[in-house]
Amino acid sequence: ENPCSKCRGKGKIKRACTVEINIPAGIDTNE
């Protein structure tokens, strides 16, 4: 009934964030 002004009632927003990942040894192109 009262949509959120930040997400315009969708409940979701797209946000940029930085994540740290561990790439395993032996990985190859297109894997």
All heavy atoms as atom14 arrays in JSON, in Angstrom:
{
  "sequence": "ENPCSKCRGKGKIKRACTVEINIPAGIDTNE",
  "atom14_mask": [
    [1, 1, 1, 1, 1, 1, 1, 1, 1, 0, 0, 0, 0, 0],
    [1, 1, 1, 1, 1, 1, 1, 1, 0, 0, 0, 0, 0, 0],
    [1, 1, 1, 1, 1, 1, 1, 0, 0, 0, 0, 0, 0, 0],
    [1, 1, 1, 1, 1, 1, 0, 0, 0, 0, 0, 0, 0, 0],
    [1, 1, 1, 1, 1, 1, 0, 0, 0, 0, 0, 0, 0, 0],
    [1, 1, 1, 1, 1, 1, 1, 1, 1, 0, 0, 0, 0, 0],
    [1, 1, 1, 1, 1, 1, 0, 0, 0, 0, 0, 0, 0, 0],
    [1, 1, 1, 1, 1, 1, 1, 1, 1, 1, 1, 0, 0, 0],
    [1, 1, 1, 1, 0, 0, 0, 0, 0, 0, 0, 0, 0, 0],
    [1, 1, 1, 1, 1, 1, 1, 1, 1, 0, 0, 0, 0, 0],
    [1, 1, 1, 1, 0, 0, 0, 0, 0, 0, 0, 0, 0, 0],
    [1, 1, 1, 1, 1, 1, 1, 1, 1, 0, 0, 0, 0, 0],
    [1, 1, 1, 1, 1, 1, 1, 1, 0, 0, 0, 0, 0, 0],
    [1, 1, 1, 1, 1, 1, 1, 1, 1, 0, 0, 0, 0, 0],
    [1, 1, 1, 1, 1, 1, 1, 1, 1, 1, 1, 0, 0, 0],
    [1, 1, 1, 1, 1, 0, 0, 0, 0, 0, 0, 0, 0, 0],
    [1, 1, 1, 1, 1, 1, 0, 0, 0, 0, 0, 0, 0, 0],
    [1, 1, 1, 1, 1, 1, 1, 0, 0, 0, 0, 0, 0, 0],
    [1, 1, 1, 1, 1, 1, 1, 0, 0, 0, 0, 0, 0, 0],
    [1, 1, 1, 1, 1, 1, 1, 1, 1, 0, 0, 0, 0, 0],
    [1, 1, 1, 1, 1, 1, 1, 1, 0, 0, 0, 0, 0, 0],
    [1, 1, 1, 1, 1, 1, 1, 1, 0, 0, 0, 0, 0, 0],
    [1, 1, 1, 1, 1, 1, 1, 1, 0, 0, 0, 0, 0, 0],
    [1, 1, 1, 1, 1, 1, 1, 0, 0, 0, 0, 0, 0, 0],
    [1, 1, 1, 1, 1, 0, 0, 0, 0, 0, 0, 0, 0, 0],
    [1, 1, 1, 1, 0, 0, 0, 0, 0, 0, 0, 0, 0, 0],
    [1, 1, 1, 1, 1, 1, 1, 1, 0, 0, 0, 0, 0, 0],
    [1, 1, 1, 1, 1, 1, 1, 1, 0, 0, 0, 0, 0, 0],
    [1, 1, 1, 1, 1, 1, 1, 0, 0, 0, 0, 0, 0, 0],
    [1, 1, 1, 1, 1, 1, 1, 1, 0, 0, 0, 0, 0, 0],
    [1, 1, 1, 1, 1, 1, 1, 1, 1, 0, 0, 0, 0, 0]
  ],
  "atom14_positions": [
    [[0.82, -1.21, 0.0], [0.0, 0.0, 0.0], [0.86, 1.26, 0.0], [0.53, 2.26, -0.64], [-0.92, 0.0, 1.22], [-2.04, -1.03, 1.14], [-3.03, -0.91, 2.28], [-2.6, -0.51, 3.39], [-4.22, -1.19, 2.07], [0.0, 0.0, 0.0], [0.0, 0.0, 0.0], [0.0, 0.0, 0.0], [0.0, 0.0, 0.0], [0.0, 0.0, 0.0]],
    [[1.99, 1.22, 0.72], [2.9, 2.36, 0.81], [4.28, 1.95, 0.3], [5.12, 1.49, 1.09], [3.0, 2.87, 2.25], [1.66, 3.33, 2.79], [0.99, 4.14, 2.16], [1.29, 2.8, 3.96], [0.0, 0.0, 0.0], [0.0, 0.0, 0.0], [0.0, 0.0, 0.0], [0.0, 0.0, 0.0], [0.0, 0.0, 0.0], [0.0, 0.0, 0.0]],
    [[4.51, 2.07, -1.01], [5.78, 1.59, -1.58], [7.0, 2.3, -1.0], [6.98, 3.5, -0.74], [5.64, 1.89, -3.08], [4.17, 2.05, -3.3], [3.62, 2.63, -2.04], [0.0, 0.0, 0.0], [0.0, 0.0, 0.0], [0.0, 0.0, 0.0], [0.0, 0.0, 0.0], [0.0, 0.0, 0.0], [0.0, 0.0, 0.0], [0.0, 0.0, 0.0]],
    [[8.05, 1.53, -0.81], [9.32, 2.08, -0.34], [9.9, 2.98, -1.43], [9.96, 2.6, -2.61], [10.28, 0.93, -0.02], [11.98, 1.44, 0.28], [0.0, 0.0, 0.0], [0.0, 0.0, 0.0], [0.0, 0.0, 0.0], [0.0, 0.0, 0.0], [0.0, 0.0, 0.0], [0.0, 0.0, 0.0], [0.0, 0.0, 0.0], [0.0, 0.0, 0.0]],
    [[10.36, 4.16, -1.05], [10.87, 5.11, -2.04], [12.23, 4.69, -2.6], [12.58, 5.04, -3.72], [10.99, 6.5, -1.41], [11.84, 6.46, -0.26], [0.0, 0.0, 0.0], [0.0, 0.0, 0.0], [0.0, 0.0, 0.0], [0.0, 0.0, 0.0], [0.0, 0.0, 0.0], [0.0, 0.0, 0.0], [0.0, 0.0, 0.0], [0.0, 0.0, 0.0]],
    [[12.98, 3.92, -1.82], [14.32, 3.54, -2.26], [14.28, 2.46, -3.34], [14.99, 2.53, -4.34], [15.15, 3.06, -1.07], [16.61, 2.81, -1.41], [17.44, 2.53, -0.16], [18.92, 2.37, -0.52], [19.76, 2.14, 0.67], [0.0, 0.0, 0.0], [0.0, 0.0, 0.0], [0.0, 0.0, 0.0], [0.0, 0.0, 0.0], [0.0, 0.0, 0.0]],
    [[13.44, 1.44, -3.12], [13.37, 0.34, -4.09], [12.12, 0.4, -4.96], [11.89, -0.5, -5.77], [13.43, -1.01, -3.37], [12.0, -1.34, -2.3], [0.0, 0.0, 0.0], [0.0, 0.0, 0.0], [0.0, 0.0, 0.0], [0.0, 0.0, 0.0], [0.0, 0.0, 0.0], [0.0, 0.0, 0.0], [0.0, 0.0, 0.0], [0.0, 0.0, 0.0]],
    [[11.28, 1.43, -4.74], [10.04, 1.64, -5.5], [9.09, 0.45, -5.37], [8.43, 0.07, -6.34], [10.36, 1.91, -6.96], [11.19, 3.16, -7.17], [11.49, 3.4, -8.62], [12.32, 4.6, -8.8], [12.76, 5.03, -9.98], [12.45, 4.36, -11.08], [13.5, 6.12, -10.06], [0.0, 0.0, 0.0], [0.0, 0.0, 0.0], [0.0, 0.0, 0.0]],
    [[9.07, -0.12, -4.2], [8.11, -1.18, -3.92], [8.55, -2.57, -4.34], [7.83, -3.54, -4.12], [0.0, 0.0, 0.0], [0.0, 0.0, 0.0], [0.0, 0.0, 0.0], [0.0, 0.0, 0.0], [0.0, 0.0, 0.0], [0.0, 0.0, 0.0], [0.0, 0.0, 0.0], [0.0, 0.0, 0.0], [0.0, 0.0, 0.0], [0.0, 0.0, 0.0]],
    [[9.74, -2.7, -4.93], [10.19, -4.01, -5.41], [10.79, -4.87, -4.3], [10.84, -6.1, -4.41], [11.2, -3.84, -6.53], [10.62, -3.23, -7.79], [11.69, -3.11, -8.88], [11.09, -2.53, -10.16], [12.13, -2.39, -11.23], [0.0, 0.0, 0.0], [0.0, 0.0, 0.0], [0.0, 0.0, 0.0], [0.0, 0.0, 0.0], [0.0, 0.0, 0.0]],
    [[11.28, -4.24, -3.27], [11.9, -4.98, -2.18], [13.35, -5.36, -2.46], [14.03, -5.92, -1.61], [0.0, 0.0, 0.0], [0.0, 0.0, 0.0], [0.0, 0.0, 0.0], [0.0, 0.0, 0.0], [0.0, 0.0, 0.0], [0.0, 0.0, 0.0], [0.0, 0.0, 0.0], [0.0, 0.0, 0.0], [0.0, 0.0, 0.0], [0.0, 0.0, 0.0]],
    [[13.82, -5.08, -3.67], [15.19, -5.42, -4.07], [15.86, -4.21, -4.72], [15.21, -3.39, -5.37], [15.2, -6.58, -5.07], [14.52, -7.86, -4.59], [15.33, -8.58, -3.56], [14.66, -9.88, -3.13], [15.37, -10.54, -2.04], [0.0, 0.0, 0.0], [0.0, 0.0, 0.0], [0.0, 0.0, 0.0], [0.0, 0.0, 0.0], [0.0, 0.0, 0.0]],
    [[17.17, -4.13, -4.53], [17.96, -3.11, -5.2], [19.23, -3.75, -5.75], [19.7, -4.75, -5.21], [18.34, -1.94, -4.26], [19.06, -2.46, -3.02], [17.12, -1.13, -3.88], [19.58, -1.37, -2.12], [0.0, 0.0, 0.0], [0.0, 0.0, 0.0], [0.0, 0.0, 0.0], [0.0, 0.0, 0.0], [0.0, 0.0, 0.0], [0.0, 0.0, 0.0]],
    [[19.76, -3.18, -6.82], [21.01, -3.68, -7.4], [22.16, -2.84, -6.86], [22.16, -1.62, -7.01], [20.96, -3.62, -8.92], [21.95, -4.53, -9.61], [21.62, -4.67, -11.08], [22.45, -5.77, -11.73], [22.09, -5.98, -13.14], [0.0, 0.0, 0.0], [0.0, 0.0, 0.0], [0.0, 0.0, 0.0], [0.0, 0.0, 0.0], [0.0, 0.0, 0.0]],
    [[23.11, -3.52, -6.24], [24.19, -2.81, -5.57], [25.55, -3.36, -6.01], [25.72, -4.57, -6.17], [24.02, -2.95, -4.06], [25.1, -2.29, -3.25], [24.89, -2.49, -1.76], [23.77, -1.69, -1.25], [22.74, -2.17, -0.61], [22.65, -3.48, -0.41], [21.78, -1.39, -0.18], [0.0, 0.0, 0.0], [0.0, 0.0, 0.0], [0.0, 0.0, 0.0]],
    [[26.52, -2.47, -6.17], [27.9, -2.88, -6.46], [28.57, -3.29, -5.16], [28.45, -2.6, -4.15], [28.66, -1.74, -7.12], [0.0, 0.0, 0.0], [0.0, 0.0, 0.0], [0.0, 0.0, 0.0], [0.0, 0.0, 0.0], [0.0, 0.0, 0.0], [0.0, 0.0, 0.0], [0.0, 0.0, 0.0], [0.0, 0.0, 0.0], [0.0, 0.0, 0.0]],
    [[29.25, -4.42, -5.19], [29.96, -4.87, -4.01], [31.22, -5.62, -4.41], [31.34, -6.11, -5.54], [29.07, -5.75, -3.12], [28.45, -7.22, -3.95], [0.0, 0.0, 0.0], [0.0, 0.0, 0.0], [0.0, 0.0, 0.0], [0.0, 0.0, 0.0], [0.0, 0.0, 0.0], [0.0, 0.0, 0.0], [0.0, 0.0, 0.0], [0.0, 0.0, 0.0]],
    [[32.17, -5.69, -3.49], [33.43, -6.38, -3.73], [33.47, -7.65, -2.9], [33.19, -7.62, -1.69], [34.63, -5.48, -3.35], [34.58, -4.28, -4.14], [35.94, -6.19, -3.62], [0.0, 0.0, 0.0], [0.0, 0.0, 0.0], [0.0, 0.0, 0.0], [0.0, 0.0, 0.0], [0.0, 0.0, 0.0], [0.0, 0.0, 0.0], [0.0, 0.0, 0.0]],
    [[33.77, -8.76, -3.54], [33.84, -10.04, -2.84], [35.22, -10.65, -3.07], [35.86, -10.42, -4.1], [32.75, -11.03, -3.33], [31.36, -10.51, -3.0], [32.87, -11.29, -4.83], [0.0, 0.0, 0.0], [0.0, 0.0, 0.0], [0.0, 0.0, 0.0], [0.0, 0.0, 0.0], [0.0, 0.0, 0.0], [0.0, 0.0, 0.0], [0.0, 0.0, 0.0]],
    [[35.68, -11.41, -2.09], [36.97, -12.1, -2.2], [36.71, -13.57, -2.52], [35.92, -14.22, -1.84], [37.78, -11.97, -0.92], [39.19, -12.54, -1.04], [40.03, -12.29, 0.21], [39.75, -12.92, 1.25], [40.95, -11.46, 0.15], [0.0, 0.0, 0.0], [0.0, 0.0, 0.0], [0.0, 0.0, 0.0], [0.0, 0.0, 0.0], [0.0, 0.0, 0.0]],
    [[37.39, -14.07, -3.54], [37.2, -15.46, -3.95], [38.54, -16.17, -4.01], [39.58, -15.56, -4.24], [36.5, -15.54, -5.33], [37.3, -14.76, -6.39], [35.07, -15.05, -5.25], [36.74, -14.88, -7.79], [0.0, 0.0, 0.0], [0.0, 0.0, 0.0], [0.0, 0.0, 0.0], [0.0, 0.0, 0.0], [0.0, 0.0, 0.0], [0.0, 0.0, 0.0]],
    [[38.52, -17.47, -3.79], [39.72, -18.31, -3.87], [39.67, -19.12, -5.17], [38.79, -19.96, -5.34], [39.79, -19.27, -2.68], [40.2, -18.58, -1.4], [41.12, -17.76, -1.4], [39.52, -18.87, -0.3], [0.0, 0.0, 0.0], [0.0, 0.0, 0.0], [0.0, 0.0, 0.0], [0.0, 0.0, 0.0], [0.0, 0.0, 0.0], [0.0, 0.0, 0.0]],
    [[40.61, -18.85, -6.06], [40.71, -19.61, -7.31], [41.65, -20.79, -7.06], [42.8, -20.59, -6.65], [41.26, -18.73, -8.45], [40.36, -17.51, -8.67], [41.39, -19.55, -9.73], [38.96, -17.85, -9.12], [0.0, 0.0, 0.0], [0.0, 0.0, 0.0], [0.0, 0.0, 0.0], [0.0, 0.0, 0.0], [0.0, 0.0, 0.0], [0.0, 0.0, 0.0]],
    [[41.19, -22.02, -7.29], [42.04, -23.19, -7.0], [43.21, -23.34, -7.95], [43.14, -22.92, -9.11], [41.05, -24.36, -7.15], [40.02, -23.87, -8.11], [39.88, -22.4, -7.83], [0.0, 0.0, 0.0], [0.0, 0.0, 0.0], [0.0, 0.0, 0.0], [0.0, 0.0, 0.0], [0.0, 0.0, 0.0], [0.0, 0.0, 0.0], [0.0, 0.0, 0.0]],
    [[44.29, -23.94, -7.46], [45.47, -24.19, -8.29], [45.12, -25.18, -9.39], [44.41, -26.16, -9.17], [46.6, -24.74, -7.43], [0.0, 0.0, 0.0], [0.0, 0.0, 0.0], [0.0, 0.0, 0.0], [0.0, 0.0, 0.0], [0.0, 0.0, 0.0], [0.0, 0.0, 0.0], [0.0, 0.0, 0.0], [0.0, 0.0, 0.0], [0.0, 0.0, 0.0]],
    [[45.63, -24.91, -10.59], [45.41, -25.82, -11.72], [44.26, -25.43, -12.61], [43.98, -26.12, -13.6], [0.0, 0.0, 0.0], [0.0, 0.0, 0.0], [0.0, 0.0, 0.0], [0.0, 0.0, 0.0], [0.0, 0.0, 0.0], [0.0, 0.0, 0.0], [0.0, 0.0, 0.0], [0.0, 0.0, 0.0], [0.0, 0.0, 0.0], [0.0, 0.0, 0.0]],
    [[43.57, -24.33, -12.33], [42.44, -23.89, -13.15], [42.93, -23.55, -14.55], [44.07, -23.11, -14.73], [41.74, -22.67, -12.5], [40.34, -22.45, -13.07], [42.59, -21.43, -12.62], [39.32, -23.39, -12.54], [0.0, 0.0, 0.0], [0.0, 0.0, 0.0], [0.0, 0.0, 0.0], [0.0, 0.0, 0.0], [0.0, 0.0, 0.0], [0.0, 0.0, 0.0]],
    [[42.08, -23.74, -15.55], [42.48, -23.46, -16.94], [41.44, -22.59, -17.62], [40.33, -22.39, -17.1], [42.66, -24.78, -17.71], [43.61, -24.62, -18.89], [44.03, -23.49, -19.18], [43.93, -25.65, -19.53], [0.0, 0.0, 0.0], [0.0, 0.0, 0.0], [0.0, 0.0, 0.0], [0.0, 0.0, 0.0], [0.0, 0.0, 0.0], [0.0, 0.0, 0.0]],
    [[41.78, -22.08, -18.78], [40.89, -21.2, -19.54], [39.54, -21.86, -19.81], [39.46, -23.04, -20.14], [41.55, -20.81, -20.87], [42.68, -19.97, -20.6], [40.59, -20.05, -21.77], [0.0, 0.0, 0.0], [0.0, 0.0, 0.0], [0.0, 0.0, 0.0], [0.0, 0.0, 0.0], [0.0, 0.0, 0.0], [0.0, 0.0, 0.0], [0.0, 0.0, 0.0]],
    [[38.47, -21.06, -19.63], [37.07, -21.46, -19.85], [36.53, -22.43, -18.8], [35.42, -22.95, -18.96], [36.87, -22.05, -21.25], [36.98, -21.0, -22.34], [36.67, -19.83, -22.11], [37.42, -21.4, -23.52], [0.0, 0.0, 0.0], [0.0, 0.0, 0.0], [0.0, 0.0, 0.0], [0.0, 0.0, 0.0], [0.0, 0.0, 0.0], [0.0, 0.0, 0.0]],
    [[37.29, -22.67, -17.74], [36.75, -23.45, -16.62], [36.05, -22.5, -15.65], [36.47, -21.35, -15.47], [37.85, -24.23, -15.91], [38.39, -25.37, -16.75], [39.4, -26.23, -16.0], [39.95, -25.78, -14.99], [39.64, -27.36, -16.45], [0.0, 0.0, 0.0], [0.0, 0.0, 0.0], [0.0, 0.0, 0.0], [0.0, 0.0, 0.0], [0.0, 0.0, 0.0]]
  ]
}
